[in-house]
Amino acid sequence: MSEILLQAATEQAGGIGGQAVNFLAGNWPVLAVGIGLIIATVVIIAHLKQVIVNSVLGVIAWAVLVFVFNVQLPLIPSLVVSAIFGLAGIGVILILKFMNVPI
């Protein structure tokens, strides 16, 4: 009984899959959308790579300031700012700390 149900489900899935393949095969707009998505992905990853490197450098700079130079910074706000804005965020935090502005 279960073998018959499995065979029927497989045939039905194969029929649906075959219809989808027949619709997509040779369909030029689908090819254009696919190429456009690939290009968009490459561009987004190229830009995100710079953002990720900046964030990592910011967190490293934060760790050096806190653990090596013993600069007293509030943990959560300074870490979040350094992770989001990178080295520029650390620079702003240090300027605020120098001017004695509460963070």
C-alpha atoms as a PDB file:
ATOM      1  CA  MET A   1       0.000   0.000   0.000  1.00  0.00           C
ATOM      2  CA  SER A   2       2.717   2.443   0.970  1.00  0.00           C
ATOM      3  CA  GLU A   3       4.689   1.542  -2.163  1.00  0.00           C
ATOM      4  CA  ILE A   4       1.689   2.425  -4.332  1.00  0.00           C
ATOM      5  CA  LEU A   5       1.255   5.778  -2.552  1.00  0.00           C
ATOM      6  CA  LEU A   6       4.978   6.502  -2.876  1.00  0.00           C
ATOM      7  CA  GLN A   7       4.926   5.673  -6.591  1.00  0.00           C
ATOM      8  CA  ALA A   8       1.852   7.879  -7.162  1.00  0.00           C
ATOM      9  CA  ALA A   9       3.420  10.796  -5.268  1.00  0.00           C
ATOM     10  CA  THR A  10       6.667  10.423  -7.211  1.00  0.00           C
ATOM     11  CA  GLU A  11       4.847  10.401 -10.550  1.00  0.00           C
ATOM     12  CA  GLN A  12       2.818  13.473  -9.596  1.00  0.00           C
ATOM     13  CA  ALA A  13       5.928  15.355  -8.401  1.00  0.00           C
ATOM     14  CA  GLY A  14       7.742  14.374 -11.595  1.00  0.00           C
ATOM     15  CA  GLY A  15       4.840  15.723 -13.631  1.00  0.00           C
ATOM     16  CA  ILE A  16       4.836  19.044 -11.777  1.00  0.00           C
ATOM     17  CA  GLY A  17       8.629  19.300 -12.019  1.00  0.00           C
ATOM     18  CA  GLY A  18       8.505  18.485 -15.706  1.00  0.00           C
ATOM     19  CA  GLN A  19       5.953  21.240 -16.279  1.00  0.00           C
ATOM     20  CA  ALA A  20       8.173  23.744 -14.480  1.00  0.00           C
ATOM     21  CA  VAL A  21      11.208  22.718 -16.502  1.00  0.00           C
ATOM     22  CA  ASN A  22       9.243  22.982 -19.742  1.00  0.00           C
ATOM     23  CA  PHE A  23       8.068  26.475 -18.765  1.00  0.00           C
ATOM     24  CA  LEU A  24      11.567  27.695 -17.826  1.00  0.00           C
ATOM     25  CA  ALA A  25      13.535  26.056 -20.644  1.00  0.00           C
ATOM     26  CA  GLY A  26      14.093  28.476 -23.503  1.00  0.00           C
ATOM     27  CA  ASN A  27      12.294  31.322 -21.708  1.00  0.00           C
ATOM     28  CA  TRP A  28      14.444  34.415 -22.402  1.00  0.00           C
ATOM     29  CA  PRO A  29      12.951  36.657 -19.686  1.00  0.00           C
ATOM     30  CA  VAL A  30      13.815  34.028 -17.089  1.00  0.00           C
ATOM     31  CA  LEU A  31      17.405  33.997 -18.381  1.00  0.00           C
ATOM     32  CA  ALA A  32      17.574  37.807 -18.216  1.00  0.00           C
ATOM     33  CA  VAL A  33      16.245  37.855 -14.639  1.00  0.00           C
ATOM     34  CA  GLY A  34      18.739  35.160 -13.640  1.00  0.00           C
ATOM     35  CA  ILE A  35      21.684  37.084 -15.079  1.00  0.00           C
ATOM     36  CA  GLY A  36      20.432  40.283 -13.442  1.00  0.00           C
ATOM     37  CA  LEU A  37      20.241  38.561 -10.051  1.00  0.00           C
ATOM     38  CA  ILE A  38      23.776  37.199 -10.428  1.00  0.00           C
ATOM     39  CA  ILE A  39      25.118  40.678 -11.274  1.00  0.00           C
ATOM     40  CA  ALA A  40      23.219  42.234  -8.353  1.00  0.00           C
ATOM     41  CA  THR A  41      24.628  39.615  -5.982  1.00  0.00           C
ATOM     42  CA  VAL A  42      28.209  40.254  -7.096  1.00  0.00           C
ATOM     43  CA  VAL A  43      27.796  44.038  -6.683  1.00  0.00           C
ATOM     44  CA  ILE A  44      26.175  43.699  -3.252  1.00  0.00           C
ATOM     45  CA  ILE A  45      28.874  41.322  -2.011  1.00  0.00           C
ATOM     46  CA  ALA A  46      31.613  43.666  -3.291  1.00  0.00           C
ATOM     47  CA  HIS A  47      30.113  46.546  -1.289  1.00  0.00           C
ATOM     48  CA  LEU A  48      29.371  44.442   1.785  1.00  0.00           C
ATOM     49  CA  LYS A  49      32.937  43.213   1.848  1.00  0.00           C
ATOM     50  CA  GLN A  50      34.132  46.770   2.524  1.00  0.00           C
ATOM     51  CA  VAL A  51      31.492  47.236   5.220  1.00  0.00           C
ATOM     52  CA  ILE A  52      32.413  43.961   6.898  1.00  0.00           C
ATOM     53  CA  VAL A  53      36.130  44.798   6.891  1.00  0.00           C
ATOM     54  CA  ASN A  54      35.390  48.241   8.375  1.00  0.00           C
ATOM     55  CA  SER A  55      33.233  46.689  11.114  1.00  0.00           C
ATOM     56  CA  VAL A  56      35.856  44.097  11.988  1.00  0.00           C
ATOM     57  CA  LEU A  57      38.560  46.770  12.159  1.00  0.00           C
ATOM     58  CA  GLY A  58      36.303  48.839  14.424  1.00  0.00           C
ATOM     59  CA  VAL A  59      35.768  45.945  16.825  1.00  0.00           C
ATOM     60  CA  ILE A  60      39.519  45.194  16.838  1.00  0.00           C
ATOM     61  CA  ALA A  61      40.282  48.859  17.567  1.00  0.00           C
ATOM     62  CA  TRP A  62      37.685  48.824  20.348  1.00  0.00           C
ATOM     63  CA  ALA A  63      39.285  45.729  21.891  1.00  0.00           C
ATOM     64  CA  VAL A  64      42.767  47.290  21.699  1.00  0.00           C
ATOM     65  CA  LEU A  65      41.540  50.482  23.350  1.00  0.00           C
ATOM     66  CA  VAL A  66      39.704  48.680  26.136  1.00  0.00           C
ATOM     67  CA  PHE A  67      42.096  45.823  26.884  1.00  0.00           C
ATOM     68  CA  VAL A  68      45.532  47.188  25.941  1.00  0.00           C
ATOM     69  CA  PHE A  69      45.269  50.911  26.660  1.00  0.00           C
ATOM     70  CA  ASN A  70      42.662  50.525  29.436  1.00  0.00           C
ATOM     71  CA  VAL A  71      40.403  53.274  28.080  1.00  0.00           C
ATOM     72  CA  GLN A  72      37.216  53.169  30.154  1.00  0.00           C
ATOM     73  CA  LEU A  73      34.353  52.957  27.644  1.00  0.00           C
ATOM     74  CA  PRO A  74      30.794  51.787  28.312  1.00  0.00           C
ATOM     75  CA  LEU A  75      30.590  48.256  27.000  1.00  0.00           C
ATOM     76  CA  ILE A  76      27.393  48.012  24.954  1.00  0.00           C
ATOM     77  CA  PRO A  77      27.159  51.500  23.372  1.00  0.00           C
ATOM     78  CA  SER A  78      30.811  51.672  22.393  1.00  0.00           C
ATOM     79  CA  LEU A  79      30.899  48.122  21.058  1.00  0.00           C
ATOM     80  CA  VAL A  80      27.744  48.641  18.984  1.00  0.00           C
ATOM     81  CA  VAL A  81      29.031  51.930  17.557  1.00  0.00           C
ATOM     82  CA  SER A  82      32.384  50.361  16.703  1.00  0.00           C
ATOM     83  CA  ALA A  83      30.705  47.375  15.043  1.00  0.00           C
ATOM     84  CA  ILE A  84      28.335  49.510  12.965  1.00  0.00           C
ATOM     85  CA  PHE A  85      30.521  52.505  12.080  1.00  0.00           C
ATOM     86  CA  GLY A  86      33.953  50.910  12.314  1.00  0.00           C
ATOM     87  CA  LEU A  87      37.023  53.044  12.840  1.00  0.00           C
ATOM     88  CA  ALA A  88      35.078  56.285  12.371  1.00  0.00           C
ATOM     89  CA  GLY A  89      32.775  55.285  15.223  1.00  0.00           C
ATOM     90  CA  ILE A  90      35.760  54.612  17.477  1.00  0.00           C
ATOM     91  CA  GLY A  91      37.176  58.013  16.546  1.00  0.00           C
ATOM     92  CA  VAL A  92      33.923  59.748  17.480  1.00  0.00           C
ATOM     93  CA  ILE A  93      33.740  57.847  20.767  1.00  0.00           C
ATOM     94  CA  LEU A  94      37.303  58.895  21.619  1.00  0.00           C
ATOM     95  CA  ILE A  95      36.552  62.538  20.792  1.00  0.00           C
ATOM     96  CA  LEU A  96      33.433  62.410  22.979  1.00  0.00           C
ATOM     97  CA  LYS A  97      35.467  60.798  25.759  1.00  0.00           C
ATOM     98  CA  PHE A  98      38.132  63.524  25.443  1.00  0.00           C
ATOM     99  CA  MET A  99      35.475  66.250  25.671  1.00  0.00           C
ATOM    100  CA  ASN A 100      33.982  64.500  28.725  1.00  0.00           C
ATOM    101  CA  VAL A 101      30.596  63.980  27.056  1.00  0.00           C
ATOM    102  CA  PRO A 102      28.637  61.100  28.635  1.00  0.00           C
ATOM    103  CA  ILE A 103      28.023  58.248  26.235  1.00  0.00           C
END
